[in-house]
PDB file of N, CA and C in Angstrom:
ATOM      1  N   MET A   1      17.183 -14.463  23.060  1.00  0.00           N
ATOM      2  CA  MET A   1      18.208 -14.401  21.953  1.00  0.00           C
ATOM      3  C   MET A   1      17.754 -13.214  21.175  1.00  0.00           C
ATOM      4  N   GLU A   2      18.302 -12.395  20.621  1.00  0.00           N
ATOM      5  CA  GLU A   2      17.902 -11.294  19.695  1.00  0.00           C
ATOM      6  C   GLU A   2      18.736 -12.533  18.472  1.00  0.00           C
ATOM      7  N   ILE A   3      17.863 -11.929  17.357  1.00  0.00           N
ATOM      8  CA  ILE A   3      18.034 -12.527  15.501  1.00  0.00           C
ATOM      9  C   ILE A   3      18.642 -11.437  15.052  1.00  0.00           C
ATOM     10  N   GLY A   4      18.865 -10.458  15.345  1.00  0.00           N
ATOM     11  CA  GLY A   4      19.343  -9.163  14.740  1.00  0.00           C
ATOM     12  C   GLY A   4      17.938  -8.482  13.264  1.00  0.00           C
ATOM     13  N   SER A   5      18.726  -7.849  12.796  1.00  0.00           N
ATOM     14  CA  SER A   5      17.997  -7.635  11.608  1.00  0.00           C
ATOM     15  C   SER A   5      17.535  -8.007  10.355  1.00  0.00           C
ATOM     16  N   ILE A   6      16.938  -7.707   9.447  1.00  0.00           N
ATOM     17  CA  ILE A   6      16.799  -8.034   8.260  1.00  0.00           C
ATOM     18  C   ILE A   6      17.360  -6.948   7.362  1.00  0.00           C
ATOM     19  N   ASN A   7      18.788  -8.399   7.087  1.00  0.00           N
ATOM     20  CA  ASN A   7      19.978  -7.661   5.921  1.00  0.00           C
ATOM     21  C   ASN A   7      19.138  -7.027   4.301  1.00  0.00           C
ATOM     22  N   PRO A   8      19.742  -6.258   3.852  1.00  0.00           N
ATOM     23  CA  PRO A   8      18.846  -5.703   2.649  1.00  0.00           C
ATOM     24  C   PRO A   8      18.960  -6.774   1.638  1.00  0.00           C
ATOM     25  N   GLY A   9      20.231  -7.591   1.414  1.00  0.00           N
ATOM     26  CA  GLY A   9      20.548  -8.739   0.771  1.00  0.00           C
ATOM     27  C   GLY A   9      19.262  -9.801   0.521  1.00  0.00           C
ATOM     28  N   LEU A  10      18.702 -10.081   1.704  1.00  0.00           N
ATOM     29  CA  LEU A  10      17.697 -11.073   2.016  1.00  0.00           C
ATOM     30  C   LEU A  10      16.474 -10.233   1.164  1.00  0.00           C
ATOM     31  N   LYS A  11      16.210  -8.920   1.779  1.00  0.00           N
ATOM     32  CA  LYS A  11      15.000  -8.510   0.873  1.00  0.00           C
ATOM     33  C   LYS A  11      14.923  -8.414  -0.699  1.00  0.00           C
ATOM     34  N   ALA A  12      16.653  -7.970  -1.157  1.00  0.00           N
ATOM     35  CA  ALA A  12      16.349  -8.268  -2.830  1.00  0.00           C
ATOM     36  C   ALA A  12      16.529  -9.564  -2.943  1.00  0.00           C
ATOM     37  N   LEU A  13      16.237 -10.229  -2.072  1.00  0.00           N
ATOM     38  CA  LEU A  13      16.458 -12.064  -2.523  1.00  0.00           C
ATOM     39  C   LEU A  13      15.144 -12.040  -2.581  1.00  0.00           C
ATOM     40  N   GLN A  14      14.387 -11.742  -1.779  1.00  0.00           N
ATOM     41  CA  GLN A  14      13.199 -12.043  -1.656  1.00  0.00           C
ATOM     42  C   GLN A  14      12.318 -11.469  -2.913  1.00  0.00           C
ATOM     43  N   LYS A  15      12.148 -10.216  -3.159  1.00  0.00           N
ATOM     44  CA  LYS A  15      11.726  -9.767  -4.139  1.00  0.00           C
ATOM     45  C   LYS A  15      12.357 -10.035  -5.507  1.00  0.00           C
ATOM     46  N   ALA A  16      13.807 -10.803  -5.634  1.00  0.00           N
ATOM     47  CA  ALA A  16      14.396 -11.516  -6.916  1.00  0.00           C
ATOM     48  C   ALA A  16      13.340 -12.302  -7.392  1.00  0.00           C
ATOM     49  N   CYS A  17      12.765 -13.449  -5.990  1.00  0.00           N
ATOM     50  CA  CYS A  17      12.228 -14.453  -6.406  1.00  0.00           C
ATOM     51  C   CYS A  17      10.742 -14.824  -6.409  1.00  0.00           C
ATOM     52  N   GLY A  18       9.714 -13.150  -5.520  1.00  0.00           N
ATOM     53  CA  GLY A  18       8.957 -13.202  -6.253  1.00  0.00           C
ATOM     54  C   GLY A  18       8.015 -13.439  -5.187  1.00  0.00           C
ATOM     55  N   ASP A  19       6.677 -12.869  -5.431  1.00  0.00           N
ATOM     56  CA  ASP A  19       5.645 -12.758  -4.317  1.00  0.00           C
ATOM     57  C   ASP A  19       5.507 -13.404  -3.264  1.00  0.00           C
ATOM     58  N   LYS A  20       5.214 -14.850  -3.760  1.00  0.00           N
ATOM     59  CA  LYS A  20       5.154 -16.551  -2.641  1.00  0.00           C
ATOM     60  C   LYS A  20       5.762 -16.522  -1.759  1.00  0.00           C
ATOM     61  N   TYR A  21       7.190 -15.933  -2.066  1.00  0.00           N
ATOM     62  CA  TYR A  21       8.109 -16.196  -0.424  1.00  0.00           C
ATOM     63  C   TYR A  21       8.077 -14.826   0.333  1.00  0.00           C
ATOM     64  N   GLU A  22       8.019 -15.347   1.680  1.00  0.00           N
ATOM     65  CA  GLU A  22       8.414 -14.374   2.414  1.00  0.00           C
ATOM     66  C   GLU A  22       9.698 -14.206   3.765  1.00  0.00           C
ATOM     67  N   ILE A  23       9.933 -13.728   4.385  1.00  0.00           N
ATOM     68  CA  ILE A  23      11.426 -13.565   5.512  1.00  0.00           C
ATOM     69  C   ILE A  23      10.445 -13.725   6.569  1.00  0.00           C
ATOM     70  N   LYS A  24      11.188 -14.603   7.121  1.00  0.00           N
ATOM     71  CA  LYS A  24      10.480 -15.340   8.625  1.00  0.00           C
ATOM     72  C   LYS A  24      11.627 -15.991   9.220  1.00  0.00           C
ATOM     73  N   PRO A  25      11.191 -15.574  10.478  1.00  0.00           N
ATOM     74  CA  PRO A  25      12.805 -16.045  11.501  1.00  0.00           C
ATOM     75  C   PRO A  25      12.656 -17.475  12.012  1.00  0.00           C
ATOM     76  N   ILE A  26      13.317 -17.971  11.569  1.00  0.00           N
ATOM     77  CA  ILE A  26      13.269 -19.399  11.721  1.00  0.00           C
ATOM     78  C   ILE A  26      14.925 -20.461  12.389  1.00  0.00           C
ATOM     79  N   ASP A  27      14.460 -20.516  13.276  1.00  0.00           N
ATOM     80  CA  ASP A  27      15.754 -21.037  14.277  1.00  0.00           C
ATOM     81  C   ASP A  27      17.010 -20.151  14.116  1.00  0.00           C
ATOM     82  N   LEU A  28      16.655 -18.564  15.372  1.00  0.00           N
ATOM     83  CA  LEU A  28      17.112 -18.312  15.322  1.00  0.00           C
ATOM     84  C   LEU A  28      18.133 -17.438  13.997  1.00  0.00           C
ATOM     85  N   GLU A  29      17.777 -17.289  12.996  1.00  0.00           N
ATOM     86  CA  GLU A  29      18.294 -16.625  11.749  1.00  0.00           C
ATOM     87  C   GLU A  29      16.500 -16.258  10.865  1.00  0.00           C
ATOM     88  N   TRP A  30      17.109 -15.112  10.039  1.00  0.00           N
ATOM     89  CA  TRP A  30      15.998 -14.560   8.902  1.00  0.00           C
ATOM     90  C   TRP A  30      16.378 -15.286   8.182  1.00  0.00           C
ATOM     91  N   CYS A  31      14.774 -15.848   7.730  1.00  0.00           N
ATOM     92  CA  CYS A  31      14.915 -16.820   6.285  1.00  0.00           C
ATOM     93  C   CYS A  31      14.273 -16.536   5.173  1.00  0.00           C
ATOM     94  N   LEU A  32      14.054 -17.112   4.153  1.00  0.00           N
ATOM     95  CA  LEU A  32      13.454 -16.450   2.873  1.00  0.00           C
ATOM     96  C   LEU A  32      12.554 -18.009   3.359  1.00  0.00           C
ATOM     97  N   TYR A  33      11.182 -18.319   3.058  1.00  0.00           N
ATOM     98  CA  TYR A  33      10.109 -18.861   3.282  1.00  0.00           C
ATOM     99  C   TYR A  33       8.934 -19.264   2.555  1.00  0.00           C
ATOM    100  N   ARG A  34       8.461 -20.083   2.102  1.00  0.00           N
ATOM    101  CA  ARG A  34       7.476 -20.526   0.928  1.00  0.00           C
ATOM    102  C   ARG A  34       7.020 -20.959   0.711  1.00  0.00           C
ATOM    103  N   ASP A  35       5.285 -21.517   1.446  1.00  0.00           N
ATOM    104  CA  ASP A  35       4.368 -22.347   1.745  1.00  0.00           C
ATOM    105  C   ASP A  35       3.662 -23.148   0.392  1.00  0.00           C
ATOM    106  N   PHE A  36       4.017 -23.746   0.420  1.00  0.00           N
ATOM    107  CA  PHE A  36       3.315 -24.374  -1.751  1.00  0.00           C
ATOM    108  C   PHE A  36       1.470 -25.126  -1.488  1.00  0.00           C
ATOM    109  N   GLY A  37       0.965 -23.917  -0.005  1.00  0.00           N
ATOM    110  CA  GLY A  37      -0.067 -24.499   0.316  1.00  0.00           C
ATOM    111  C   GLY A  37      -0.846 -26.136   0.202  1.00  0.00           C
ATOM    112  N   ASN A  38      -0.212 -27.180  -0.297  1.00  0.00           N
ATOM    113  CA  ASN A  38      -0.411 -28.744   0.451  1.00  0.00           C
ATOM    114  C   ASN A  38       0.803 -29.283   1.308  1.00  0.00           C
ATOM    115  N   GLY A  39       0.771 -28.774   2.319  1.00  0.00           N
ATOM    116  CA  GLY A  39       1.088 -29.347   2.841  1.00  0.00           C
ATOM    117  C   GLY A  39       2.768 -29.501   3.413  1.00  0.00           C
ATOM    118  N   TYR A  40       3.640 -29.096   2.199  1.00  0.00           N
ATOM    119  CA  TYR A  40       4.783 -29.216   2.504  1.00  0.00           C
ATOM    120  C   TYR A  40       5.370 -27.174   2.089  1.00  0.00           C
ATOM    121  N   ASN A  41       6.351 -26.742   2.450  1.00  0.00           N
ATOM    122  CA  ASN A  41       6.881 -25.871   2.893  1.00  0.00           C
ATOM    123  C   ASN A  41       8.114 -25.462   2.697  1.00  0.00           C
ATOM    124  N   VAL A  42       9.382 -24.983   1.600  1.00  0.00           N
ATOM    125  CA  VAL A  42      10.852 -24.917   2.126  1.00  0.00           C
ATOM    126  C   VAL A  42      11.385 -23.722   2.563  1.00  0.00           C
ATOM    127  N   GLU A  43      12.153 -23.608   3.196  1.00  0.00           N
ATOM    128  CA  GLU A  43      13.360 -22.744   4.375  1.00  0.00           C
ATOM    129  C   GLU A  43      14.562 -22.607   3.266  1.00  0.00           C
ATOM    130  N   ILE A  44      14.621 -21.531   3.125  1.00  0.00           N
ATOM    131  CA  ILE A  44      15.895 -21.018   2.749  1.00  0.00           C
ATOM    132  C   ILE A  44      16.649 -20.791   3.353  1.00  0.00           C
ATOM    133  N   SER A  45      17.895 -20.765   4.169  1.00  0.00           N
ATOM    134  CA  SER A  45      18.146 -20.233   5.336  1.00  0.00           C
ATOM    135  C   SER A  45      20.053 -19.917   4.393  1.00  0.00           C
ATOM    136  N   GLY A  46      20.889 -19.176   5.243  1.00  0.00           N
ATOM    137  CA  GLY A  46      21.372 -18.402   4.934  1.00  0.00           C
ATOM    138  C   GLY A  46      22.145 -17.610   3.959  1.00  0.00           C
ATOM    139  N   MET A  47      21.025 -16.603   4.148  1.00  0.00           N
ATOM    140  CA  MET A  47      21.396 -15.570   2.995  1.00  0.00           C
ATOM    141  C   MET A  47      20.783 -14.281   3.496  1.00  0.00           C
ATOM    142  N   ASN A  48      20.303 -13.876   4.526  1.00  0.00           N
ATOM    143  CA  ASN A  48      20.580 -12.893   5.172  1.00  0.00           C
ATOM    144  C   ASN A  48      22.090 -12.174   5.551  1.00  0.00           C
ATOM    145  N   THR A  49      22.485 -11.840   4.468  1.00  0.00           N
ATOM    146  CA  THR A  49      23.994 -11.023   4.324  1.00  0.00           C
ATOM    147  C   THR A  49      23.785 -10.281   2.291  1.00  0.00           C
ATOM    148  N   THR A  50      24.594  -9.533   2.841  1.00  0.00           N
ATOM    149  CA  THR A  50      24.653  -8.861   1.210  1.00  0.00           C
ATOM    150  C   THR A  50      25.761  -9.653   0.171  1.00  0.00           C
ATOM    151  N   ARG A  51      26.448 -10.378   0.386  1.00  0.00           N
ATOM    152  CA  ARG A  51      27.466 -11.646  -0.002  1.00  0.00           C
ATOM    153  C   ARG A  51      26.985 -11.909  -1.443  1.00  0.00           C
ATOM    154  N   LYS A  52      26.834 -11.713  -2.660  1.00  0.00           N
ATOM    155  CA  LYS A  52      26.132 -11.865  -3.415  1.00  0.00           C
ATOM    156  C   LYS A  52      26.659 -13.122  -4.387  1.00  0.00           C
ATOM    157  N   ASN A  53      27.918 -14.231  -3.706  1.00  0.00           N
ATOM    158  CA  ASN A  53      28.168 -15.614  -3.648  1.00  0.00           C
ATOM    159  C   ASN A  53      28.112 -16.418  -2.749  1.00  0.00           C
ATOM    160  N   LYS A  54      27.500 -15.961  -1.648  1.00  0.00           N
ATOM    161  CA  LYS A  54      26.909 -16.944  -0.333  1.00  0.00           C
ATOM    162  C   LYS A  54      25.857 -18.017  -1.191  1.00  0.00           C
ATOM    163  N   LYS A  55      25.621 -18.974  -0.904  1.00  0.00           N
ATOM    164  CA  LYS A  55      24.835 -20.267  -1.315  1.00  0.00           C
ATOM    165  C   LYS A  55      24.173 -20.526  -0.196  1.00  0.00           C
ATOM    166  N   ALA A  56      22.657 -21.358  -0.449  1.00  0.00           N
ATOM    167  CA  ALA A  56      21.973 -21.013   0.408  1.00  0.00           C
ATOM    168  C   ALA A  56      21.575 -22.596   0.814  1.00  0.00           C
ATOM    169  N   THR A  57      21.345 -23.152   1.497  1.00  0.00           N
ATOM    170  CA  THR A  57      20.821 -24.741   2.320  1.00  0.00           C
ATOM    171  C   THR A  57      19.503 -24.498   2.171  1.00  0.00           C
ATOM    172  N   ILE A  58      18.493 -25.194   1.245  1.00  0.00           N
ATOM    173  CA  ILE A  58      17.438 -24.837   1.262  1.00  0.00           C
ATOM    174  C   ILE A  58      16.756 -26.868   1.635  1.00  0.00           C
ATOM    175  N   TYR A  59      16.257 -26.566   2.969  1.00  0.00           N
ATOM    176  CA  TYR A  59      14.717 -27.510   3.948  1.00  0.00           C
ATOM    177  C   TYR A  59      13.683 -27.640   3.192  1.00  0.00           C
ATOM    178  N   LEU A  60      12.918 -28.854   2.252  1.00  0.00           N
ATOM    179  CA  LEU A  60      11.970 -28.803   2.193  1.00  0.00           C
ATOM    180  C   LEU A  60      10.855 -29.568   3.488  1.00  0.00           C
ATOM    181  N   TRP A  61      10.239 -29.075   3.655  1.00  0.00           N
ATOM    182  CA  TRP A  61       9.663 -29.475   4.994  1.00  0.00           C
ATOM    183  C   TRP A  61       8.775 -29.979   5.131  1.00  0.00           C
ATOM    184  N   TYR A  62       8.028 -31.383   5.520  1.00  0.00           N
ATOM    185  CA  TYR A  62       6.254 -31.693   5.583  1.00  0.00           C
ATOM    186  C   TYR A  62       6.207 -30.982   6.860  1.00  0.00           C
ATOM    187  N   GLY A  63       4.512 -30.452   7.037  1.00  0.00           N
ATOM    188  CA  GLY A  63       3.874 -30.106   7.734  1.00  0.00           C
ATOM    189  C   GLY A  63       5.054 -28.269   8.465  1.00  0.00           C
ATOM    190  N   SER A  64       4.057 -27.503   9.101  1.00  0.00           N
ATOM    191  CA  SER A  64       4.287 -26.516   9.865  1.00  0.00           C
ATOM    192  C   SER A  64       4.504 -25.983  10.677  1.00  0.00           C
ATOM    193  N   GLU A  65       4.001 -27.383  12.151  1.00  0.00           N
ATOM    194  CA  GLU A  65       3.890 -27.192  13.745  1.00  0.00           C
ATOM    195  C   GLU A  65       4.408 -28.159  13.959  1.00  0.00           C
ATOM    196  N   LYS A  66       5.602 -28.123  15.333  1.00  0.00           N
ATOM    197  CA  LYS A  66       6.400 -28.677  15.704  1.00  0.00           C
ATOM    198  C   LYS A  66       5.186 -29.172  16.913  1.00  0.00           C
ATOM    199  N   PRO A  67       5.335 -31.039  16.523  1.00  0.00           N
ATOM    200  CA  PRO A  67       5.997 -31.630  16.405  1.00  0.00           C
ATOM    201  C   PRO A  67       5.889 -32.802  15.592  1.00  0.00           C
ATOM    202  N   ASP A  68       5.506 -32.226  14.760  1.00  0.00           N
ATOM    203  CA  ASP A  68       4.364 -33.106  13.305  1.00  0.00           C
ATOM    204  C   ASP A  68       4.685 -32.457  12.647  1.00  0.00           C
ATOM    205  N   CYS A  69       6.357 -31.483  12.335  1.00  0.00           N
ATOM    206  CA  CYS A  69       6.371 -31.330  11.063  1.00  0.00           C
ATOM    207  C   CYS A  69       7.667 -32.084  10.764  1.00  0.00           C
ATOM    208  N   ARG A  70       8.558 -32.192   9.343  1.00  0.00           N
ATOM    209  CA  ARG A  70      10.198 -32.802   9.254  1.00  0.00           C
ATOM    210  C   ARG A  70      10.254 -32.815   7.813  1.00  0.00           C
ATOM    211  N   ILE A  71      11.883 -33.002   8.409  1.00  0.00           N
ATOM    212  CA  ILE A  71      12.581 -32.329   6.820  1.00  0.00           C
ATOM    213  C   ILE A  71      12.381 -33.879   5.723  1.00  0.00           C
ATOM    214  N   VAL A  72      11.682 -33.271   4.442  1.00  0.00           N
ATOM    215  CA  VAL A  72      12.075 -34.376   3.307  1.00  0.00           C
ATOM    216  C   VAL A  72      12.857 -34.219   2.718  1.00  0.00           C
ATOM    217  N   ARG A  73      13.486 -33.224   1.998  1.00  0.00           N
ATOM    218  CA  ARG A  73      14.782 -33.151   1.563  1.00  0.00           C
ATOM    219  C   ARG A  73      15.814 -31.731   2.132  1.00  0.00           C
ATOM    220  N   THR A  74      16.823 -32.081   1.829  1.00  0.00           N
ATOM    221  CA  THR A  74      17.761 -31.373   2.020  1.00  0.00           C
ATOM    222  C   THR A  74      18.999 -30.496   0.901  1.00  0.00           C
ATOM    223  N   PHE A  75      19.214 -29.273   0.706  1.00  0.00           N
ATOM    224  CA  PHE A  75      20.168 -28.716  -0.794  1.00  0.00           C
ATOM    225  C   PHE A  75      20.962 -28.239   0.191  1.00  0.00           C
ATOM    226  N   HIS A  76      22.304 -28.225  -0.384  1.00  0.00           N
ATOM    227  CA  HIS A  76      23.628 -27.453   0.050  1.00  0.00           C
ATOM    228  C   HIS A  76      23.945 -26.963  -0.820  1.00  0.00           C
ATOM    229  N   ASP A  77      24.568 -25.819  -0.681  1.00  0.00           N
ATOM    230  CA  ASP A  77      25.311 -24.770  -1.700  1.00  0.00           C
ATOM    231  C   ASP A  77      24.685 -24.239  -2.700  1.00  0.00           C
ATOM    232  N   VAL A  78      23.382 -23.820  -2.736  1.00  0.00           N
ATOM    233  CA  VAL A  78      22.078 -23.600  -3.916  1.00  0.00           C
ATOM    234  C   VAL A  78      22.851 -22.209  -3.952  1.00  0.00           C
ATOM    235  N   THR A  79      22.991 -21.570  -5.003  1.00  0.00           N
ATOM    236  CA  THR A  79      23.061 -20.484  -5.686  1.00  0.00           C
ATOM    237  C   THR A  79      21.753 -19.508  -5.697  1.00  0.00           C
ATOM    238  N   ARG A  80      22.453 -18.412  -5.056  1.00  0.00           N
ATOM    239  CA  ARG A  80      20.939 -17.247  -5.521  1.00  0.00           C
ATOM    240  C   ARG A  80      20.440 -17.517  -7.166  1.00  0.00           C
ATOM    241  N   LYS A  81      21.256 -17.591  -7.671  1.00  0.00           N
ATOM    242  CA  LYS A  81      20.045 -17.297  -9.179  1.00  0.00           C
ATOM    243  C   LYS A  81      19.576 -18.665  -9.682  1.00  0.00           C
ATOM    244  N   GLU A  82      20.285 -20.180  -8.939  1.00  0.00           N
ATOM    245  CA  GLU A  82      19.731 -21.479  -8.671  1.00  0.00           C
ATOM    246  C   GLU A  82      18.497 -21.519  -7.602  1.00  0.00           C
ATOM    247  N   ILE A  83      17.726 -20.446  -6.539  1.00  0.00           N
ATOM    248  CA  ILE A  83      16.562 -20.712  -6.012  1.00  0.00           C
ATOM    249  C   ILE A  83      15.278 -20.612  -6.875  1.00  0.00           C
ATOM    250  N   PRO A  84      15.194 -20.153  -7.198  1.00  0.00           N
ATOM    251  CA  PRO A  84      13.629 -19.879  -7.935  1.00  0.00           C
ATOM    252  C   PRO A  84      13.947 -21.120  -8.266  1.00  0.00           C
ATOM    253  N   LYS A  85      13.933 -21.350  -9.444  1.00  0.00           N
ATOM    254  CA  LYS A  85      14.352 -22.603  -9.969  1.00  0.00           C
ATOM    255  C   LYS A  85      13.984 -23.820  -9.511  1.00  0.00           C
ATOM    256  N   LEU A  86      14.960 -24.122  -8.084  1.00  0.00           N
ATOM    257  CA  LEU A  86      15.049 -25.259  -7.516  1.00  0.00           C
ATOM    258  C   LEU A  86      13.932 -25.681  -6.293  1.00  0.00           C
ATOM    259  N   VAL A  87      12.925 -24.057  -6.170  1.00  0.00           N
ATOM    260  CA  VAL A  87      12.435 -24.091  -5.611  1.00  0.00           C
ATOM    261  C   VAL A  87      10.865 -24.275  -5.941  1.00  0.00           C
ATOM    262  N   ASP A  88      10.821 -23.647  -7.777  1.00  0.00           N
ATOM    263  CA  ASP A  88       9.717 -24.421  -8.047  1.00  0.00           C
ATOM    264  C   ASP A  88       9.505 -25.697  -8.862  1.00  0.00           C
ATOM    265  N   GLN A  89      10.697 -26.062  -8.797  1.00  0.00           N
ATOM    266  CA  GLN A  89      10.951 -27.676  -9.119  1.00  0.00           C
ATOM    267  C   GLN A  89      10.576 -28.495  -7.630  1.00  0.00           C
ATOM    268  N   LEU A  90      10.686 -27.824  -6.774  1.00  0.00           N
ATOM    269  CA  LEU A  90      10.356 -28.987  -5.644  1.00  0.00           C
ATOM    270  C   LEU A  90       8.502 -28.566  -5.424  1.00  0.00           C
ATOM    271  N   ALA A  91       8.103 -27.312  -5.594  1.00  0.00           N
ATOM    272  CA  ALA A  91       6.264 -27.346  -5.931  1.00  0.00           C
ATOM    273  C   ALA A  91       5.996 -28.375  -7.003  1.00  0.00           C
ATOM    274  N   GLU A  92       6.530 -28.428  -7.430  1.00  0.00           N
ATOM    275  CA  GLU A  92       5.871 -29.580  -8.628  1.00  0.00           C
ATOM    276  C   GLU A  92       6.007 -31.026  -8.617  1.00  0.00           C
ATOM    277  N   TYR A  93       7.067 -31.169  -7.540  1.00  0.00           N
ATOM    278  CA  TYR A  93       7.394 -32.410  -6.460  1.00  0.00           C
ATOM    279  C   TYR A  93       6.185 -32.531  -5.856  1.00  0.00           C
ATOM    280  N   THR A  94       6.435 -31.703  -4.850  1.00  0.00           N
ATOM    281  CA  THR A  94       5.637 -31.995  -4.203  1.00  0.00           C
ATOM    282  C   THR A  94       4.075 -32.291  -4.488  1.00  0.00           C
ATOM    283  N   ASN A  95       3.229 -30.983  -5.029  1.00  0.00           N
ATOM    284  CA  ASN A  95       2.216 -31.353  -5.888  1.00  0.00           C
ATOM    285  C   ASN A  95       2.155 -32.707  -6.125  1.00  0.00           C
ATOM    286  N   ARG A  96       2.887 -33.426  -6.618  1.00  0.00           N
ATOM    287  CA  ARG A  96       3.058 -34.483  -6.959  1.00  0.00           C
ATOM    288  C   ARG A  96       2.843 -35.716  -5.727  1.00  0.00           C
ATOM    289  N   LEU A  97       3.425 -35.621  -5.029  1.00  0.00           N
ATOM    290  CA  LEU A  97       3.811 -36.485  -3.988  1.00  0.00           C
ATOM    291  C   LEU A  97       2.357 -36.169  -2.567  1.00  0.00           C
ATOM    292  N   ALA A  98       1.270 -34.769  -3.018  1.00  0.00           N
ATOM    293  CA  ALA A  98       0.169 -34.545  -1.851  1.00  0.00           C
ATOM    294  C   ALA A  98      -1.026 -35.154  -2.651  1.00  0.00           C
ATOM    295  N   THR A  99      -0.841 -35.009  -4.501  1.00  0.00           N
ATOM    296  CA  THR A  99      -1.815 -35.727  -5.216  1.00  0.00           C
ATOM    297  C   THR A  99      -1.964 -37.523  -5.352  1.00  0.00           C
ATOM    298  N   ASP A 100      -0.303 -38.155  -4.817  1.00  0.00           N
ATOM    299  CA  ASP A 100      -0.449 -39.536  -5.050  1.00  0.00           C
ATOM    300  C   ASP A 100      -1.151 -39.912  -3.012  1.00  0.00           C
ATOM    301  N   GLU A 101      -0.329 -39.205  -2.655  1.00  0.00           N
ATOM    302  CA  GLU A 101      -1.096 -39.708  -0.939  1.00  0.00           C
ATOM    303  C   GLU A 101      -2.250 -39.172  -1.143  1.00  0.00           C
ATOM    304  N   GLY A 102      -3.255 -38.436  -1.360  1.00  0.00           N
ATOM    305  CA  GLY A 102      -4.205 -38.908  -1.585  1.00  0.00           C
ATOM    306  C   GLY A 102      -5.194 -39.407  -2.219  1.00  0.00           C
ATOM    307  N   LYS A 103      -4.353 -39.815  -3.128  1.00  0.00           N
ATOM    308  CA  LYS A 103      -5.493 -41.409  -4.000  1.00  0.00           C
ATOM    309  C   LYS A 103      -4.508 -42.370  -2.760  1.00  0.00           C
ATOM    310  N   GLU A 104      -3.952 -42.453  -1.988  1.00  0.00           N
ATOM    311  CA  GLU A 104      -3.705 -43.822  -0.964  1.00  0.00           C
ATOM    312  C   GLU A 104      -4.699 -43.568  -0.481  1.00  0.00           C
ATOM    313  N   GLU A 105      -5.242 -42.465   0.212  1.00  0.00           N
ATOM    314  CA  GLU A 105      -6.391 -41.877   1.490  1.00  0.00           C
ATOM    315  C   GLU A 105      -7.482 -42.917   0.989  1.00  0.00           C
ATOM    316  N   THR A 106      -7.790 -42.941  -0.240  1.00  0.00           N
ATOM    317  CA  THR A 106      -9.448 -43.147  -1.130  1.00  0.00           C
ATOM    318  C   THR A 106      -9.240 -44.461  -1.164  1.00  0.00           C
ATOM    319  N   LYS A 107      -8.505 -45.366  -1.152  1.00  0.00           N
ATOM    320  CA  LYS A 107      -7.874 -46.588  -1.665  1.00  0.00           C
ATOM    321  C   LYS A 107      -8.396 -47.806  -0.449  1.00  0.00           C
TER     322      LYS A 107
END
């Protein structure tokens, strides 16, 4: 199944969010994606549009390969303006989780 082209609005959002974000096809839709490098990543869904008032759904994932990945948290109705701040907060949160998991493994 064809998912269509990447909308200029999604490219503009990627540019506004910064170099850590990439555009990837996920579940038959173009999404923003950011890998935190600690086993966690985010999928920013619903933004392949030029509609400025469109709100995103953000999925925080642990793992990157099926069947060993799972959704940890989901955030609905996130505005374009809120995306970078929320994702940065999730990066900090997952870094703490990853550090805590490392502590548990060494016990």
